[in-house]
C-alpha cells in the first residue's frame, strides 16, 4: 500500500493546529457553532481558493467527492451549503487576518535567510497591478465600464521572500501612477515595473528619495 499525503494536506500542515486553536479561543470563533469547527471552515475556504470554486455549492460538492479521503485534513464530513453559508456570515474575519500575519511572520524569516546565486545588494521590489472583474449588478459601486464592474489590486512584491509587502485595492478606473505615489519605499531599494508607471515626476521624487 502506498502511504502518502495529498498536496492539499501538505499545504495545511504549514498551519500549526495549536496556534490555530489559540486564535479560535482569542476571537471566540466557535460561539453558536453547533458542531461545525473553525478548522473545518478554514479547510473549506482554503479548498475554495485552491480549487477556484465559484460558489458554495461547488465547494461542498468538491469536498463531498472526497468523502473517505478527508480525514487526513482534519474533517469528519463535508459541509452542507447552509452550514457553510452561515459560517461565512457569522464567523469573525479578524481571526483569519491574525492567522495570515502569524504565518507571514513565521515563513518570511525562513525565506529571507536563503542564499541565492544571483542577488542585488539593495532591496529588490516589483510593483504591478491586476484588474479583478466583479458582477456589476452585485457591486454597483465598482463600475468599470458600461456593463462591467472591477476593482484593481496594486501589489508591491519583495523578492527576498517572494511575499507582498504592500497591497492597495482601488476602483478599476484608478490609474497605476496615482497609487504608486502612495506606496511606501525605503531608501536604496530597487523598484521594477512596467511602462504603465511611466511618469517623470514620480521618477524624480523617487530619485530624490534615494530610490
C-alpha atoms as a PDB file:
ATOM      1  CA  UNK A   1       0.000   0.000   0.000  1.00  0.00           C
ATOM      2  CA  UNK A   2       1.296   3.459  -0.911  1.00  0.00           C
ATOM      3  CA  UNK A   3       1.089   5.788   2.051  1.00  0.00           C
ATOM      4  CA  UNK A   4       1.437   9.454   1.182  1.00  0.00           C
ATOM      5  CA  UNK A   5      -0.374  12.685   1.957  1.00  0.00           C
ATOM      6  CA  UNK A   6      -2.095  14.799  -0.666  1.00  0.00           C
ATOM      7  CA  UNK A   7      -0.745  18.163  -1.773  1.00  0.00           C
ATOM      8  CA  UNK A   8      -3.678  19.824  -0.017  1.00  0.00           C
ATOM      9  CA  UNK A   9      -2.752  18.052   3.218  1.00  0.00           C
ATOM     10  CA  UNK A  10       0.858  19.212   2.853  1.00  0.00           C
ATOM     11  CA  UNK A  11      -0.305  22.815   2.454  1.00  0.00           C
ATOM     12  CA  UNK A  12      -2.468  22.516   5.584  1.00  0.00           C
ATOM     13  CA  UNK A  13       0.489  21.106   7.528  1.00  0.00           C
ATOM     14  CA  UNK A  14       2.081  24.562   7.328  1.00  0.00           C
ATOM     15  CA  UNK A  15      -0.603  25.804   9.741  1.00  0.00           C
ATOM     16  CA  UNK A  16       0.137  24.848  13.334  1.00  0.00           C
ATOM     17  CA  UNK A  17      -3.067  23.444  14.822  1.00  0.00           C
ATOM     18  CA  UNK A  18      -2.173  24.662  18.319  1.00  0.00           C
ATOM     19  CA  UNK A  19      -1.673  28.244  17.122  1.00  0.00           C
ATOM     20  CA  UNK A  20      -4.928  27.990  15.171  1.00  0.00           C
ATOM     21  CA  UNK A  21      -6.790  26.806  18.276  1.00  0.00           C
ATOM     22  CA  UNK A  22      -5.380  29.724  20.283  1.00  0.00           C
ATOM     23  CA  UNK A  23      -6.769  32.151  17.714  1.00  0.00           C
ATOM     24  CA  UNK A  24     -10.164  30.410  17.880  1.00  0.00           C
ATOM     25  CA  UNK A  25     -10.236  30.933  21.647  1.00  0.00           C
ATOM     26  CA  UNK A  26      -8.985  34.511  21.362  1.00  0.00           C
ATOM     27  CA  UNK A  27     -11.775  35.531  18.970  1.00  0.00           C
ATOM     28  CA  UNK A  28     -14.429  33.196  20.409  1.00  0.00           C
ATOM     29  CA  UNK A  29     -14.921  31.992  16.843  1.00  0.00           C
ATOM     30  CA  UNK A  30     -16.913  28.874  17.694  1.00  0.00           C
ATOM     31  CA  UNK A  31     -19.662  30.556  19.669  1.00  0.00           C
ATOM     32  CA  UNK A  32     -23.005  29.165  18.459  1.00  0.00           C
ATOM     33  CA  UNK A  33     -21.045  26.892  16.092  1.00  0.00           C
ATOM     34  CA  UNK A  34     -23.329  23.846  16.640  1.00  0.00           C
ATOM     35  CA  UNK A  35     -20.620  21.307  15.855  1.00  0.00           C
ATOM     36  CA  UNK A  36     -19.065  22.950  12.773  1.00  0.00           C
ATOM     37  CA  UNK A  37     -15.483  23.724  13.823  1.00  0.00           C
ATOM     38  CA  UNK A  38     -13.423  26.712  12.737  1.00  0.00           C
ATOM     39  CA  UNK A  39     -10.802  24.323  11.349  1.00  0.00           C
ATOM     40  CA  UNK A  40     -13.402  22.691   9.090  1.00  0.00           C
ATOM     41  CA  UNK A  41     -14.484  26.165   7.963  1.00  0.00           C
ATOM     42  CA  UNK A  42     -10.873  27.134   7.253  1.00  0.00           C
ATOM     43  CA  UNK A  43     -10.255  23.939   5.243  1.00  0.00           C
ATOM     44  CA  UNK A  44     -13.398  24.516   3.185  1.00  0.00           C
ATOM     45  CA  UNK A  45     -12.474  28.112   2.309  1.00  0.00           C
ATOM     46  CA  UNK A  46      -8.861  27.202   1.540  1.00  0.00           C
ATOM     47  CA  UNK A  47     -10.190  24.476  -0.760  1.00  0.00           C
ATOM     48  CA  UNK A  48     -12.329  27.201  -2.390  1.00  0.00           C
ATOM     49  CA  UNK A  49      -9.218  29.249  -3.175  1.00  0.00           C
ATOM     50  CA  UNK A  50      -7.036  26.399  -4.430  1.00  0.00           C
ATOM     51  CA  UNK A  51      -9.819  24.789  -6.493  1.00  0.00           C
ATOM     52  CA  UNK A  52     -11.003  28.218  -7.745  1.00  0.00           C
ATOM     53  CA  UNK A  53     -14.554  27.343  -6.744  1.00  0.00           C
ATOM     54  CA  UNK A  54     -17.114  29.941  -7.790  1.00  0.00           C
ATOM     55  CA  UNK A  55     -19.933  29.091  -5.375  1.00  0.00           C
ATOM     56  CA  UNK A  56     -20.742  27.460  -2.053  1.00  0.00           C
ATOM     57  CA  UNK A  57     -22.380  24.601  -3.970  1.00  0.00           C
ATOM     58  CA  UNK A  58     -19.099  23.965  -5.789  1.00  0.00           C
ATOM     59  CA  UNK A  59     -17.130  23.956  -2.512  1.00  0.00           C
ATOM     60  CA  UNK A  60     -19.457  21.481  -0.823  1.00  0.00           C
ATOM     61  CA  UNK A  61     -19.680  19.332  -3.929  1.00  0.00           C
ATOM     62  CA  UNK A  62     -15.905  19.220  -4.335  1.00  0.00           C
ATOM     63  CA  UNK A  63     -15.362  18.119  -0.734  1.00  0.00           C
ATOM     64  CA  UNK A  64     -18.250  15.653  -0.966  1.00  0.00           C
ATOM     65  CA  UNK A  65     -16.435  13.900  -3.817  1.00  0.00           C
ATOM     66  CA  UNK A  66     -13.567  13.230  -1.418  1.00  0.00           C
ATOM     67  CA  UNK A  67     -15.597  11.615   1.367  1.00  0.00           C
ATOM     68  CA  UNK A  68     -13.464   8.872   2.890  1.00  0.00           C
ATOM     69  CA  UNK A  69     -10.282  10.718   1.956  1.00  0.00           C
ATOM     70  CA  UNK A  70     -10.648  13.887   4.037  1.00  0.00           C
ATOM     71  CA  UNK A  71      -9.865  12.556   7.496  1.00  0.00           C
ATOM     72  CA  UNK A  72      -6.195  13.428   6.993  1.00  0.00           C
ATOM     73  CA  UNK A  73      -7.379  17.048   6.534  1.00  0.00           C
ATOM     74  CA  UNK A  74      -8.948  17.025   9.986  1.00  0.00           C
ATOM     75  CA  UNK A  75     -12.514  16.700   8.662  1.00  0.00           C
ATOM     76  CA  UNK A  76     -15.103  14.092   9.593  1.00  0.00           C
ATOM     77  CA  UNK A  77     -17.590  15.031   6.876  1.00  0.00           C
ATOM     78  CA  UNK A  78     -18.120  17.553   4.096  1.00  0.00           C
ATOM     79  CA  UNK A  79     -20.043  20.766   4.994  1.00  0.00           C
ATOM     80  CA  UNK A  80     -23.633  21.421   3.954  1.00  0.00           C
ATOM     81  CA  UNK A  81     -24.386  24.544   1.940  1.00  0.00           C
ATOM     82  CA  UNK A  82     -26.500  26.171   4.667  1.00  0.00           C
ATOM     83  CA  UNK A  83     -23.838  25.434   7.319  1.00  0.00           C
ATOM     84  CA  UNK A  84     -21.021  26.949   5.265  1.00  0.00           C
ATOM     85  CA  UNK A  85     -23.106  29.986   4.309  1.00  0.00           C
ATOM     86  CA  UNK A  86     -23.964  30.620   7.969  1.00  0.00           C
ATOM     87  CA  UNK A  87     -20.296  30.296   8.970  1.00  0.00           C
ATOM     88  CA  UNK A  88     -19.233  32.774   6.276  1.00  0.00           C
ATOM     89  CA  UNK A  89     -21.806  35.261   7.522  1.00  0.00           C
ATOM     90  CA  UNK A  90     -21.162  34.968  11.261  1.00  0.00           C
ATOM     91  CA  UNK A  91     -17.585  33.796  11.906  1.00  0.00           C
ATOM     92  CA  UNK A  92     -15.155  36.624  12.887  1.00  0.00           C
ATOM     93  CA  UNK A  93     -12.956  37.520   9.937  1.00  0.00           C
ATOM     94  CA  UNK A  94     -10.415  39.019  12.335  1.00  0.00           C
ATOM     95  CA  UNK A  95      -9.286  35.518  13.298  1.00  0.00           C
ATOM     96  CA  UNK A  96      -8.188  34.747   9.740  1.00  0.00           C
ATOM     97  CA  UNK A  97      -6.457  38.135   9.481  1.00  0.00           C
ATOM     98  CA  UNK A  98      -4.415  37.282  12.589  1.00  0.00           C
ATOM     99  CA  UNK A  99      -3.678  33.834  11.165  1.00  0.00           C
ATOM    100  CA  UNK A 100      -2.374  35.419   7.965  1.00  0.00           C
ATOM    101  CA  UNK A 101       0.033  37.721   9.800  1.00  0.00           C
ATOM    102  CA  UNK A 102       1.149  34.877  12.057  1.00  0.00           C
ATOM    103  CA  UNK A 103       2.054  32.720   9.056  1.00  0.00           C
ATOM    104  CA  UNK A 104       3.590  35.683   7.240  1.00  0.00           C
ATOM    105  CA  UNK A 105       5.978  36.460  10.118  1.00  0.00           C
ATOM    106  CA  UNK A 106       6.896  32.793  10.560  1.00  0.00           C
ATOM    107  CA  UNK A 107       7.698  31.917   6.958  1.00  0.00           C
ATOM    108  CA  UNK A 108       9.096  35.259   5.882  1.00  0.00           C
ATOM    109  CA  UNK A 109      12.092  34.645   8.167  1.00  0.00           C
ATOM    110  CA  UNK A 110      12.714  31.215   6.613  1.00  0.00           C
ATOM    111  CA  UNK A 111      12.540  32.589   3.068  1.00  0.00           C
ATOM    112  CA  UNK A 112      14.766  35.626   3.586  1.00  0.00           C
ATOM    113  CA  UNK A 113      17.549  33.517   5.086  1.00  0.00           C
ATOM    114  CA  UNK A 114      18.136  31.544   1.871  1.00  0.00           C
ATOM    115  CA  UNK A 115      21.195  32.363  -0.195  1.00  0.00           C
ATOM    116  CA  UNK A 116      20.845  32.739  -3.953  1.00  0.00           C
ATOM    117  CA  UNK A 117      23.451  32.530  -6.693  1.00  0.00           C
ATOM    118  CA  UNK A 118      22.385  35.930  -8.033  1.00  0.00           C
ATOM    119  CA  UNK A 119      21.221  38.715  -5.765  1.00  0.00           C
ATOM    120  CA  UNK A 120      21.296  42.502  -5.504  1.00  0.00           C
ATOM    121  CA  UNK A 121      22.933  44.213  -2.570  1.00  0.00           C
ATOM    122  CA  UNK A 122      19.909  46.516  -2.419  1.00  0.00           C
ATOM    123  CA  UNK A 123      16.327  45.515  -1.696  1.00  0.00           C
ATOM    124  CA  UNK A 124      14.630  44.392  -4.943  1.00  0.00           C
ATOM    125  CA  UNK A 125      10.896  45.093  -5.287  1.00  0.00           C
ATOM    126  CA  UNK A 126       8.336  44.645  -8.066  1.00  0.00           C
ATOM    127  CA  UNK A 127       5.303  46.897  -8.435  1.00  0.00           C
ATOM    128  CA  UNK A 128       2.288  45.934 -10.534  1.00  0.00           C
ATOM    129  CA  UNK A 129      -1.498  45.887 -10.553  1.00  0.00           C
ATOM    130  CA  UNK A 130      -4.181  43.383 -11.535  1.00  0.00           C
ATOM    131  CA  UNK A 131      -7.763  44.130 -12.532  1.00  0.00           C
ATOM    132  CA  UNK A 132     -10.311  41.861 -10.815  1.00  0.00           C
ATOM    133  CA  UNK A 133     -13.676  41.588 -12.562  1.00  0.00           C
ATOM    134  CA  UNK A 134     -16.846  41.874 -10.458  1.00  0.00           C
ATOM    135  CA  UNK A 135     -20.526  41.373 -11.186  1.00  0.00           C
ATOM    136  CA  UNK A 136     -21.860  44.892 -11.744  1.00  0.00           C
ATOM    137  CA  UNK A 137     -25.381  44.043 -10.534  1.00  0.00           C
ATOM    138  CA  UNK A 138     -23.982  42.862  -7.183  1.00  0.00           C
ATOM    139  CA  UNK A 139     -21.299  45.558  -6.857  1.00  0.00           C
ATOM    140  CA  UNK A 140     -22.715  48.724  -8.474  1.00  0.00           C
ATOM    141  CA  UNK A 141     -20.123  50.857  -6.667  1.00  0.00           C
ATOM    142  CA  UNK A 142     -17.369  49.133  -8.675  1.00  0.00           C
ATOM    143  CA  UNK A 143     -18.494  50.292 -12.137  1.00  0.00           C
ATOM    144  CA  UNK A 144     -15.571  49.967 -14.512  1.00  0.00           C
ATOM    145  CA  UNK A 145     -17.212  50.100 -17.928  1.00  0.00           C
ATOM    146  CA  UNK A 146     -20.814  50.453 -19.060  1.00  0.00           C
ATOM    147  CA  UNK A 147     -21.694  46.823 -18.308  1.00  0.00           C
ATOM    148  CA  UNK A 148     -18.722  45.657 -16.268  1.00  0.00           C
ATOM    149  CA  UNK A 149     -17.573  46.051 -12.679  1.00  0.00           C
ATOM    150  CA  UNK A 150     -13.998  45.759 -11.443  1.00  0.00           C
ATOM    151  CA  UNK A 151     -11.518  46.658  -8.747  1.00  0.00           C
ATOM    152  CA  UNK A 152      -7.780  46.961  -9.140  1.00  0.00           C
ATOM    153  CA  UNK A 153      -5.271  45.310  -6.782  1.00  0.00           C
ATOM    154  CA  UNK A 154      -1.939  47.165  -6.591  1.00  0.00           C
ATOM    155  CA  UNK A 155       0.809  44.986  -5.123  1.00  0.00           C
ATOM    156  CA  UNK A 156       4.433  45.533  -4.085  1.00  0.00           C
ATOM    157  CA  UNK A 157       6.371  42.254  -4.070  1.00  0.00           C
ATOM    158  CA  UNK A 158       9.564  41.723  -2.056  1.00  0.00           C
ATOM    159  CA  UNK A 159      11.898  39.373  -3.937  1.00  0.00           C
ATOM    160  CA  UNK A 160      13.724  38.286  -0.766  1.00  0.00           C
ATOM    161  CA  UNK A 161      10.824  36.101   0.288  1.00  0.00           C
ATOM    162  CA  UNK A 162       8.509  36.437  -2.744  1.00  0.00           C
ATOM    163  CA  UNK A 163       5.869  37.837  -0.400  1.00  0.00           C
ATOM    164  CA  UNK A 164       3.798  41.020  -0.766  1.00  0.00           C
ATOM    165  CA  UNK A 165       4.845  43.929   1.437  1.00  0.00           C
ATOM    166  CA  UNK A 166       2.118  46.377   0.411  1.00  0.00           C
ATOM    167  CA  UNK A 167      -1.320  46.000  -1.143  1.00  0.00           C
ATOM    168  CA  UNK A 168      -3.897  48.625  -2.111  1.00  0.00           C
ATOM    169  CA  UNK A 169      -7.347  47.994  -3.582  1.00  0.00           C
ATOM    170  CA  UNK A 170      -8.834  50.775  -5.706  1.00  0.00           C
ATOM    171  CA  UNK A 171     -11.668  51.038  -8.223  1.00  0.00           C
ATOM    172  CA  UNK A 172     -10.902  49.746 -11.707  1.00  0.00           C
ATOM    173  CA  UNK A 173     -10.579  53.222 -13.202  1.00  0.00           C
ATOM    174  CA  UNK A 174      -7.780  54.371 -10.882  1.00  0.00           C
ATOM    175  CA  UNK A 175      -4.513  54.894 -12.771  1.00  0.00           C
ATOM    176  CA  UNK A 176      -1.462  52.920 -11.635  1.00  0.00           C
ATOM    177  CA  UNK A 177       0.714  56.019 -11.236  1.00  0.00           C
ATOM    178  CA  UNK A 178      -1.775  57.574  -8.802  1.00  0.00           C
ATOM    179  CA  UNK A 179      -1.390  54.642  -6.426  1.00  0.00           C
ATOM    180  CA  UNK A 180       2.375  54.373  -6.995  1.00  0.00           C
ATOM    181  CA  UNK A 181       2.777  57.768  -5.310  1.00  0.00           C
ATOM    182  CA  UNK A 182       1.264  56.278  -2.130  1.00  0.00           C
ATOM    183  CA  UNK A 183       3.448  53.160  -1.997  1.00  0.00           C
ATOM    184  CA  UNK A 184       5.995  53.312   0.873  1.00  0.00           C
ATOM    185  CA  UNK A 185       9.520  52.628  -0.422  1.00  0.00           C
ATOM    186  CA  UNK A 186      12.689  52.534   1.639  1.00  0.00           C
ATOM    187  CA  UNK A 187      15.822  54.441   0.663  1.00  0.00           C
ATOM    188  CA  UNK A 188      18.212  52.438  -1.502  1.00  0.00           C
ATOM    189  CA  UNK A 189      15.613  49.978  -2.786  1.00  0.00           C
ATOM    190  CA  UNK A 190      15.366  48.961  -6.454  1.00  0.00           C
ATOM    191  CA  UNK A 191      11.862  49.039  -7.956  1.00  0.00           C
ATOM    192  CA  UNK A 192      10.904  47.228 -11.175  1.00  0.00           C
ATOM    193  CA  UNK A 193       7.653  47.915 -13.023  1.00  0.00           C
ATOM    194  CA  UNK A 194       6.116  48.020 -16.488  1.00  0.00           C
ATOM    195  CA  UNK A 195       5.581  51.097 -18.658  1.00  0.00           C
ATOM    196  CA  UNK A 196       2.159  51.693 -17.126  1.00  0.00           C
ATOM    197  CA  UNK A 197       4.047  53.509 -14.365  1.00  0.00           C
ATOM    198  CA  UNK A 198       5.983  55.842 -16.679  1.00  0.00           C
ATOM    199  CA  UNK A 199       5.818  59.272 -15.063  1.00  0.00           C
ATOM    200  CA  UNK A 200       8.779  61.659 -14.952  1.00  0.00           C
ATOM    201  CA  UNK A 201       7.603  63.498 -11.819  1.00  0.00           C
ATOM    202  CA  UNK A 202       7.232  60.174  -9.986  1.00  0.00           C
ATOM    203  CA  UNK A 203      10.703  59.049 -11.057  1.00  0.00           C
ATOM    204  CA  UNK A 204      12.119  62.412  -9.953  1.00  0.00           C
ATOM    205  CA  UNK A 205      10.609  62.125  -6.457  1.00  0.00           C
ATOM    206  CA  UNK A 206      11.916  58.568  -6.109  1.00  0.00           C
ATOM    207  CA  UNK A 207      15.396  59.647  -7.226  1.00  0.00           C
ATOM    208  CA  UNK A 208      15.438  62.454  -4.674  1.00  0.00           C
ATOM    209  CA  UNK A 209      14.483  59.934  -2.002  1.00  0.00           C
ATOM    210  CA  UNK A 210      17.411  57.672  -2.925  1.00  0.00           C
ATOM    211  CA  UNK A 211      15.301  55.004  -4.620  1.00  0.00           C
END
